[in-house]
Amino acid sequence: MRKLYVIGIGAGDPDHVTLQAVKAMRRVEAFFVIGKGEAKQELIAVRTAILDEHMDRPYRIVPIDDPPRDRTPIDYPGVVEDWHDRRSALLESAFAEVEGVGGILVWGDPALYDSTLRMVERVLARGAVTFDYAVIPGITSAQALAARHRMVLHGIGEPVHITTGRRLREEGLGAEGALVMLDGDCSFTAIPGDDVHIWWGAYLGMPDETLIEGSLSEVRDEIVRRRTELRDRKGWIMDIYLLRRGG
């Protein structure tokens, strides 16, 4: 039976890769990489650098073109479901051509705001390709953000609320604050900031890592300006931030 490893590789620093992940990578013969277009070739380059750092033998990369989707849909769940289905069909076709052990390198951890495991389950459900798979956890951008800002994500005895920019816009900021991912619209700008503190980070673990921290009312414009500059220069951005009332 074919084997597939879904490997969390951290936020971009090759040193984020765990020993368990290195051992799994060294069992893989072909790595499936879903591309994001010419502007995001750097994301593939980072994966390649991680492999070059840790692999002890030659390896093969199998590129897969990411199917397009509407980024501002009215029916968000429906559009994402269709996108996952088309992605899984492409993975199925690619994996069918590989006789040995396959691998997928996932930013951060495969279990946190990532669609890879859902995609793999869809391939299995269709039954055209049979395989076993293992999931290797990785360091998340949430952990990297906390470490780089040298702070704790929650108050004493309080929960950690992890959400998306879309949900923050819809629901607002709760009493305990929120760790916000997948926010392409700078949703924090809609939050009254007089008593809110923000810890923001972009490209965590990469050479272009950028950190800003302070009272939301004082630094929100700086974050928007810096984020726009970085995205315009690189063509892509991955960022995350923590909002907390009372600092």
C-alpha atoms as a PDB file:
ATOM      1  CA  MET A   1       0.000   0.000   0.000  1.00  0.00           C
ATOM      2  CA  ARG A   2       1.185   3.519  -0.779  1.00  0.00           C
ATOM      3  CA  LYS A   3       2.237   5.754   2.111  1.00  0.00           C
ATOM      4  CA  LEU A   4       1.767   9.510   2.460  1.00  0.00           C
ATOM      5  CA  TYR A   5       3.286  11.787   5.089  1.00  0.00           C
ATOM      6  CA  VAL A   6       1.606  15.126   5.844  1.00  0.00           C
ATOM      7  CA  ILE A   7       4.406  17.044   7.535  1.00  0.00           C
ATOM      8  CA  GLY A   8       4.134  20.316   9.452  1.00  0.00           C
ATOM      9  CA  ILE A   9       7.254  22.374   8.759  1.00  0.00           C
ATOM     10  CA  GLY A  10       6.735  25.441  10.931  1.00  0.00           C
ATOM     11  CA  ALA A  11       6.454  29.080   9.933  1.00  0.00           C
ATOM     12  CA  GLY A  12       9.416  29.239   7.546  1.00  0.00           C
ATOM     13  CA  ASP A  13      12.608  28.828   9.566  1.00  0.00           C
ATOM     14  CA  PRO A  14      14.366  25.520   8.730  1.00  0.00           C
ATOM     15  CA  ASP A  15      15.126  25.235  12.458  1.00  0.00           C
ATOM     16  CA  HIS A  16      11.371  25.000  13.161  1.00  0.00           C
ATOM     17  CA  VAL A  17      11.354  21.504  11.660  1.00  0.00           C
ATOM     18  CA  THR A  18      11.162  18.891  14.424  1.00  0.00           C
ATOM     19  CA  LEU A  19      13.283  15.735  14.595  1.00  0.00           C
ATOM     20  CA  GLN A  20      10.120  13.718  13.962  1.00  0.00           C
ATOM     21  CA  ALA A  21       9.486  15.753  10.803  1.00  0.00           C
ATOM     22  CA  VAL A  22      13.070  15.253   9.606  1.00  0.00           C
ATOM     23  CA  LYS A  23      12.746  11.487  10.054  1.00  0.00           C
ATOM     24  CA  ALA A  24       9.480  11.489   8.096  1.00  0.00           C
ATOM     25  CA  MET A  25      10.929  13.673   5.322  1.00  0.00           C
ATOM     26  CA  ARG A  26      13.804  11.243   4.887  1.00  0.00           C
ATOM     27  CA  ARG A  27      11.323   8.432   4.199  1.00  0.00           C
ATOM     28  CA  VAL A  28       9.670  10.390   1.377  1.00  0.00           C
ATOM     29  CA  GLU A  29      10.572   9.865  -2.271  1.00  0.00           C
ATOM     30  CA  ALA A  30       8.290  12.490  -3.869  1.00  0.00           C
ATOM     31  CA  PHE A  31       7.027  15.715  -2.308  1.00  0.00           C
ATOM     32  CA  PHE A  32       3.773  17.173  -3.655  1.00  0.00           C
ATOM     33  CA  VAL A  33       3.901  20.974  -3.738  1.00  0.00           C
ATOM     34  CA  ILE A  34       0.789  22.978  -4.569  1.00  0.00           C
ATOM     35  CA  GLY A  35       1.923  26.153  -6.325  1.00  0.00           C
ATOM     36  CA  LYS A  36       0.346  29.560  -5.784  1.00  0.00           C
ATOM     37  CA  GLY A  37       1.369  31.368  -8.977  1.00  0.00           C
ATOM     38  CA  GLU A  38       4.502  33.206 -10.062  1.00  0.00           C
ATOM     39  CA  ALA A  39       4.229  35.863  -7.336  1.00  0.00           C
ATOM     40  CA  LYS A  40       4.456  33.147  -4.674  1.00  0.00           C
ATOM     41  CA  GLN A  41       7.344  31.088  -6.043  1.00  0.00           C
ATOM     42  CA  GLU A  42       9.248  32.115  -2.930  1.00  0.00           C
ATOM     43  CA  LEU A  43       6.978  29.805  -0.930  1.00  0.00           C
ATOM     44  CA  ILE A  44       8.228  26.875  -3.009  1.00  0.00           C
ATOM     45  CA  ALA A  45      11.796  28.129  -2.625  1.00  0.00           C
ATOM     46  CA  VAL A  46      11.426  28.120   1.169  1.00  0.00           C
ATOM     47  CA  ARG A  47      10.176  24.525   1.091  1.00  0.00           C
ATOM     48  CA  THR A  48      13.125  23.578  -1.130  1.00  0.00           C
ATOM     49  CA  ALA A  49      15.544  25.267   1.279  1.00  0.00           C
ATOM     50  CA  ILE A  50      14.040  23.290   4.156  1.00  0.00           C
ATOM     51  CA  LEU A  51      14.436  20.053   2.215  1.00  0.00           C
ATOM     52  CA  ASP A  52      18.010  20.902   1.244  1.00  0.00           C
ATOM     53  CA  GLU A  53      18.759  21.591   4.906  1.00  0.00           C
ATOM     54  CA  HIS A  54      17.429  18.295   6.218  1.00  0.00           C
ATOM     55  CA  MET A  55      17.336  15.666   3.471  1.00  0.00           C
ATOM     56  CA  ASP A  56      20.204  13.174   3.359  1.00  0.00           C
ATOM     57  CA  ARG A  57      19.590  11.952  -0.200  1.00  0.00           C
ATOM     58  CA  PRO A  58      18.150  13.183  -3.514  1.00  0.00           C
ATOM     59  CA  TYR A  59      14.415  13.880  -3.587  1.00  0.00           C
ATOM     60  CA  ARG A  60      11.737  14.630  -6.160  1.00  0.00           C
ATOM     61  CA  ILE A  61       9.278  17.533  -6.175  1.00  0.00           C
ATOM     62  CA  VAL A  62       5.939  17.049  -7.930  1.00  0.00           C
ATOM     63  CA  PRO A  63       4.375  20.486  -8.604  1.00  0.00           C
ATOM     64  CA  ILE A  64       0.593  20.889  -8.555  1.00  0.00           C
ATOM     65  CA  ASP A  65      -1.057  24.082  -9.802  1.00  0.00           C
ATOM     66  CA  ASP A  66      -3.476  25.454  -7.216  1.00  0.00           C
ATOM     67  CA  PRO A  67      -6.937  25.853  -8.824  1.00  0.00           C
ATOM     68  CA  PRO A  68      -8.309  29.421  -8.737  1.00  0.00           C
ATOM     69  CA  ARG A  69     -11.165  30.421  -6.437  1.00  0.00           C
ATOM     70  CA  ASP A  70     -13.224  33.483  -5.575  1.00  0.00           C
ATOM     71  CA  ARG A  71     -11.492  35.288  -2.691  1.00  0.00           C
ATOM     72  CA  THR A  72     -14.537  37.405  -1.798  1.00  0.00           C
ATOM     73  CA  PRO A  73     -17.448  34.981  -2.242  1.00  0.00           C
ATOM     74  CA  ILE A  74     -21.012  35.434  -1.061  1.00  0.00           C
ATOM     75  CA  ASP A  75     -21.267  31.693  -0.335  1.00  0.00           C
ATOM     76  CA  TYR A  76     -17.929  31.228   1.442  1.00  0.00           C
ATOM     77  CA  PRO A  77     -18.459  27.608   2.653  1.00  0.00           C
ATOM     78  CA  GLY A  78     -19.714  26.514  -0.780  1.00  0.00           C
ATOM     79  CA  VAL A  79     -16.789  28.081  -2.637  1.00  0.00           C
ATOM     80  CA  VAL A  80     -14.251  26.536  -0.250  1.00  0.00           C
ATOM     81  CA  GLU A  81     -15.913  23.108  -0.551  1.00  0.00           C
ATOM     82  CA  ASP A  82     -15.634  23.292  -4.339  1.00  0.00           C
ATOM     83  CA  TRP A  83     -12.008  24.453  -4.103  1.00  0.00           C
ATOM     84  CA  HIS A  84     -11.110  21.577  -1.764  1.00  0.00           C
ATOM     85  CA  ASP A  85     -12.745  19.113  -4.153  1.00  0.00           C
ATOM     86  CA  ARG A  86     -10.766  20.395  -7.135  1.00  0.00           C
ATOM     87  CA  ARG A  87      -7.522  20.422  -5.124  1.00  0.00           C
ATOM     88  CA  SER A  88      -8.061  16.843  -3.987  1.00  0.00           C
ATOM     89  CA  ALA A  89      -8.657  15.720  -7.587  1.00  0.00           C
ATOM     90  CA  LEU A  90      -5.286  17.196  -8.588  1.00  0.00           C
ATOM     91  CA  LEU A  91      -3.536  15.491  -5.667  1.00  0.00           C
ATOM     92  CA  GLU A  92      -5.205  12.209  -6.560  1.00  0.00           C
ATOM     93  CA  SER A  93      -3.891  12.400 -10.133  1.00  0.00           C
ATOM     94  CA  ALA A  94      -0.380  13.272  -8.966  1.00  0.00           C
ATOM     95  CA  PHE A  95      -0.257  10.577  -6.285  1.00  0.00           C
ATOM     96  CA  ALA A  96      -1.495   7.941  -8.736  1.00  0.00           C
ATOM     97  CA  GLU A  97       1.709   8.474 -10.713  1.00  0.00           C
ATOM     98  CA  VAL A  98       4.005   7.916  -7.709  1.00  0.00           C
ATOM     99  CA  GLU A  99       4.847   4.338  -6.770  1.00  0.00           C
ATOM    100  CA  GLY A 100       6.819   5.064  -3.600  1.00  0.00           C
ATOM    101  CA  VAL A 101       6.310   7.152  -0.491  1.00  0.00           C
ATOM    102  CA  GLY A 102       4.774  10.600  -0.945  1.00  0.00           C
ATOM    103  CA  GLY A 103       4.903  13.672   1.244  1.00  0.00           C
ATOM    104  CA  ILE A 104       3.219  17.052   1.608  1.00  0.00           C
ATOM    105  CA  LEU A 105       4.973  19.865   3.461  1.00  0.00           C
ATOM    106  CA  VAL A 106       2.438  22.007   5.317  1.00  0.00           C
ATOM    107  CA  TRP A 107       3.099  25.481   6.700  1.00  0.00           C
ATOM    108  CA  GLY A 108       2.795  25.526  10.469  1.00  0.00           C
ATOM    109  CA  ASP A 109       0.720  22.569  11.630  1.00  0.00           C
ATOM    110  CA  PRO A 110      -1.634  20.507   9.407  1.00  0.00           C
ATOM    111  CA  ALA A 111      -4.375  20.671  12.073  1.00  0.00           C
ATOM    112  CA  LEU A 112      -4.715  24.466  12.340  1.00  0.00           C
ATOM    113  CA  TYR A 113      -6.438  26.458   9.561  1.00  0.00           C
ATOM    114  CA  ASP A 114      -5.130  24.256   6.774  1.00  0.00           C
ATOM    115  CA  SER A 115      -7.087  22.234   4.219  1.00  0.00           C
ATOM    116  CA  THR A 116      -4.534  19.488   3.490  1.00  0.00           C
ATOM    117  CA  LEU A 117      -6.035  16.814   5.754  1.00  0.00           C
ATOM    118  CA  ARG A 118      -9.531  17.431   4.381  1.00  0.00           C
ATOM    119  CA  MET A 119      -8.085  17.152   0.868  1.00  0.00           C
ATOM    120  CA  VAL A 120      -6.342  13.861   1.695  1.00  0.00           C
ATOM    121  CA  GLU A 121      -9.555  12.430   3.170  1.00  0.00           C
ATOM    122  CA  ARG A 122     -11.435  13.340  -0.009  1.00  0.00           C
ATOM    123  CA  VAL A 123      -8.888  11.423  -2.090  1.00  0.00           C
ATOM    124  CA  LEU A 124      -9.303   8.373   0.130  1.00  0.00           C
ATOM    125  CA  ALA A 125     -13.099   8.622   0.012  1.00  0.00           C
ATOM    126  CA  ARG A 126     -13.130   8.485  -3.786  1.00  0.00           C
ATOM    127  CA  GLY A 127     -11.261   5.163  -3.657  1.00  0.00           C
ATOM    128  CA  ALA A 128      -9.300   5.470  -6.891  1.00  0.00           C
ATOM    129  CA  VAL A 129      -6.002   5.569  -4.982  1.00  0.00           C
ATOM    130  CA  THR A 130      -5.527   3.570  -1.787  1.00  0.00           C
ATOM    131  CA  PHE A 131      -2.903   4.548   0.745  1.00  0.00           C
ATOM    132  CA  ASP A 132      -2.158   4.968   4.416  1.00  0.00           C
ATOM    133  CA  TYR A 133      -1.082   8.335   5.765  1.00  0.00           C
ATOM    134  CA  ALA A 134       0.542   9.802   8.847  1.00  0.00           C
ATOM    135  CA  VAL A 135       0.391  13.357  10.201  1.00  0.00           C
ATOM    136  CA  ILE A 136       3.489  14.985  11.678  1.00  0.00           C
ATOM    137  CA  PRO A 137       2.722  18.046  13.853  1.00  0.00           C
ATOM    138  CA  GLY A 138       4.552  21.307  13.314  1.00  0.00           C
ATOM    139  CA  ILE A 139       5.281  24.602  15.026  1.00  0.00           C
ATOM    140  CA  THR A 140       2.414  26.999  14.309  1.00  0.00           C
ATOM    141  CA  SER A 141       2.593  30.688  13.477  1.00  0.00           C
ATOM    142  CA  ALA A 142       0.744  31.212  16.771  1.00  0.00           C
ATOM    143  CA  GLN A 143       3.654  29.688  18.678  1.00  0.00           C
ATOM    144  CA  ALA A 144       6.182  31.600  16.588  1.00  0.00           C
ATOM    145  CA  LEU A 145       4.352  34.901  17.186  1.00  0.00           C
ATOM    146  CA  ALA A 146       4.341  34.362  20.954  1.00  0.00           C
ATOM    147  CA  ALA A 147       8.013  33.426  20.990  1.00  0.00           C
ATOM    148  CA  ARG A 148       9.160  36.350  18.860  1.00  0.00           C
ATOM    149  CA  HIS A 149       7.190  38.866  20.960  1.00  0.00           C
ATOM    150  CA  ARG A 150       8.252  37.082  24.183  1.00  0.00           C
ATOM    151  CA  MET A 151       4.709  36.959  25.514  1.00  0.00           C
ATOM    152  CA  VAL A 152       2.030  34.504  26.663  1.00  0.00           C
ATOM    153  CA  LEU A 153      -1.005  34.099  24.414  1.00  0.00           C
ATOM    154  CA  HIS A 154      -3.543  34.147  27.266  1.00  0.00           C
ATOM    155  CA  GLY A 155      -4.109  35.664  30.661  1.00  0.00           C
ATOM    156  CA  ILE A 156      -3.894  33.518  33.818  1.00  0.00           C
ATOM    157  CA  GLY A 157      -6.624  30.892  33.708  1.00  0.00           C
ATOM    158  CA  GLU A 158      -8.137  32.343  30.504  1.00  0.00           C
ATOM    159  CA  PRO A 159      -8.866  30.555  27.219  1.00  0.00           C
ATOM    160  CA  VAL A 160      -7.112  31.160  23.913  1.00  0.00           C
ATOM    161  CA  HIS A 161      -9.557  32.196  21.183  1.00  0.00           C
ATOM    162  CA  ILE A 162      -8.174  31.530  17.687  1.00  0.00           C
ATOM    163  CA  THR A 163     -10.219  32.940  14.834  1.00  0.00           C
ATOM    164  CA  THR A 164     -10.061  34.396  11.328  1.00  0.00           C
ATOM    165  CA  GLY A 165     -10.229  37.946  10.062  1.00  0.00           C
ATOM    166  CA  ARG A 166     -13.641  37.243   8.524  1.00  0.00           C
ATOM    167  CA  ARG A 167     -15.058  36.031  11.840  1.00  0.00           C
ATOM    168  CA  LEU A 168     -13.491  38.970  13.700  1.00  0.00           C
ATOM    169  CA  ARG A 169     -15.316  41.364  11.350  1.00  0.00           C
ATOM    170  CA  GLU A 170     -18.596  39.514  11.865  1.00  0.00           C
ATOM    171  CA  GLU A 171     -18.411  38.926  15.615  1.00  0.00           C
ATOM    172  CA  GLY A 172     -16.133  41.629  16.992  1.00  0.00           C
ATOM    173  CA  LEU A 173     -13.584  41.206  19.764  1.00  0.00           C
ATOM    174  CA  GLY A 174     -14.609  39.249  22.844  1.00  0.00           C
ATOM    175  CA  ALA A 175     -13.626  39.951  26.423  1.00  0.00           C
ATOM    176  CA  GLU A 176     -10.609  37.624  26.358  1.00  0.00           C
ATOM    177  CA  GLY A 177      -9.218  38.919  23.070  1.00  0.00           C
ATOM    178  CA  ALA A 178      -8.356  36.861  20.008  1.00  0.00           C
ATOM    179  CA  LEU A 179      -5.502  35.388  18.021  1.00  0.00           C
ATOM    180  CA  VAL A 180      -6.348  36.214  14.402  1.00  0.00           C
ATOM    181  CA  MET A 181      -5.213  34.358  11.283  1.00  0.00           C
ATOM    182  CA  LEU A 182      -6.130  34.583   7.598  1.00  0.00           C
ATOM    183  CA  ASP A 183      -6.884  38.300   7.669  1.00  0.00           C
ATOM    184  CA  GLY A 184      -6.280  39.863   4.273  1.00  0.00           C
ATOM    185  CA  ASP A 185      -8.462  42.877   5.051  1.00  0.00           C
ATOM    186  CA  CYS A 186      -6.802  44.189   8.227  1.00  0.00           C
ATOM    187  CA  SER A 187      -9.970  43.545  10.233  1.00  0.00           C
ATOM    188  CA  PHE A 188      -8.333  44.961  13.363  1.00  0.00           C
ATOM    189  CA  THR A 189      -8.912  48.450  11.910  1.00  0.00           C
ATOM    190  CA  ALA A 190     -12.632  48.036  12.704  1.00  0.00           C
ATOM    191  CA  ILE A 191     -11.976  47.317  16.394  1.00  0.00           C
ATOM    192  CA  PRO A 192     -12.111  50.284  18.821  1.00  0.00           C
ATOM    193  CA  GLY A 193      -8.544  50.431  20.033  1.00  0.00           C
ATOM    194  CA  ASP A 194      -8.383  52.621  23.141  1.00  0.00           C
ATOM    195  CA  ASP A 195      -8.078  49.642  25.514  1.00  0.00           C
ATOM    196  CA  VAL A 196      -6.786  47.019  23.061  1.00  0.00           C
ATOM    197  CA  HIS A 197      -3.172  45.918  22.621  1.00  0.00           C
ATOM    198  CA  ILE A 198      -1.901  44.223  19.448  1.00  0.00           C
ATOM    199  CA  TRP A 199       1.066  41.956  18.786  1.00  0.00           C
ATOM    200  CA  TRP A 200       1.496  41.591  15.008  1.00  0.00           C
ATOM    201  CA  GLY A 201       3.965  39.583  12.964  1.00  0.00           C
ATOM    202  CA  ALA A 202       4.534  38.869   9.274  1.00  0.00           C
ATOM    203  CA  TYR A 203       6.810  36.301   7.559  1.00  0.00           C
ATOM    204  CA  LEU A 204       7.589  34.744  10.934  1.00  0.00           C
ATOM    205  CA  GLY A 205      10.782  32.710  10.826  1.00  0.00           C
ATOM    206  CA  MET A 206      11.805  34.117   7.434  1.00  0.00           C
ATOM    207  CA  PRO A 207      14.462  36.718   6.514  1.00  0.00           C
ATOM    208  CA  ASP A 208      11.762  39.390   6.015  1.00  0.00           C
ATOM    209  CA  GLU A 209      10.182  38.799   9.436  1.00  0.00           C
ATOM    210  CA  THR A 210       8.491  41.982  10.660  1.00  0.00           C
ATOM    211  CA  LEU A 211       7.112  42.609  14.160  1.00  0.00           C
ATOM    212  CA  ILE A 212       4.991  45.487  15.489  1.00  0.00           C
ATOM    213  CA  GLU A 213       3.511  45.723  18.983  1.00  0.00           C
ATOM    214  CA  GLY A 214       1.644  48.392  20.892  1.00  0.00           C
ATOM    215  CA  SER A 215      -1.692  50.024  21.641  1.00  0.00           C
ATOM    216  CA  LEU A 216      -4.017  49.287  18.717  1.00  0.00           C
ATOM    217  CA  SER A 217      -5.076  52.929  18.440  1.00  0.00           C
ATOM    218  CA  GLU A 218      -1.423  53.988  18.148  1.00  0.00           C
ATOM    219  CA  VAL A 219       0.025  51.347  15.786  1.00  0.00           C
ATOM    220  CA  ARG A 220      -2.876  50.232  13.583  1.00  0.00           C
ATOM    221  CA  ASP A 221      -2.020  52.694  10.786  1.00  0.00           C
ATOM    222  CA  GLU A 222       1.641  51.686  10.942  1.00  0.00           C
ATOM    223  CA  ILE A 223       0.692  48.009  10.581  1.00  0.00           C
ATOM    224  CA  VAL A 224      -1.581  48.706   7.596  1.00  0.00           C
ATOM    225  CA  ARG A 225       1.119  50.797   5.896  1.00  0.00           C
ATOM    226  CA  ARG A 226       3.894  48.288   6.564  1.00  0.00           C
ATOM    227  CA  ARG A 227       1.735  45.342   5.549  1.00  0.00           C
ATOM    228  CA  THR A 228       0.829  47.018   2.261  1.00  0.00           C
ATOM    229  CA  GLU A 229       4.474  47.828   1.520  1.00  0.00           C
ATOM    230  CA  LEU A 230       5.589  44.271   2.187  1.00  0.00           C
ATOM    231  CA  ARG A 231       2.823  42.677   0.168  1.00  0.00           C
ATOM    232  CA  ASP A 232       3.384  45.003  -2.791  1.00  0.00           C
ATOM    233  CA  ARG A 233       7.104  44.254  -2.756  1.00  0.00           C
ATOM    234  CA  LYS A 234       6.890  40.473  -2.380  1.00  0.00           C
ATOM    235  CA  GLY A 235       3.536  39.730  -4.033  1.00  0.00           C
ATOM    236  CA  TRP A 236       2.286  37.765  -1.018  1.00  0.00           C
ATOM    237  CA  ILE A 237       2.148  37.991   2.752  1.00  0.00           C
ATOM    238  CA  MET A 238       1.492  35.671   5.667  1.00  0.00           C
ATOM    239  CA  ASP A 239       0.762  37.446   8.947  1.00  0.00           C
ATOM    240  CA  ILE A 240      -0.922  36.832  12.281  1.00  0.00           C
ATOM    241  CA  TYR A 241      -1.732  38.930  15.327  1.00  0.00           C
ATOM    242  CA  LEU A 242      -3.010  38.817  18.890  1.00  0.00           C
ATOM    243  CA  LEU A 243      -5.530  41.320  20.221  1.00  0.00           C
ATOM    244  CA  ARG A 244      -6.036  41.630  23.951  1.00  0.00           C
ATOM    245  CA  ARG A 245      -8.001  44.085  26.030  1.00  0.00           C
ATOM    246  CA  GLY A 246      -6.045  45.945  28.673  1.00  0.00           C
ATOM    247  CA  GLY A 247      -2.622  45.150  27.181  1.00  0.00           C
END
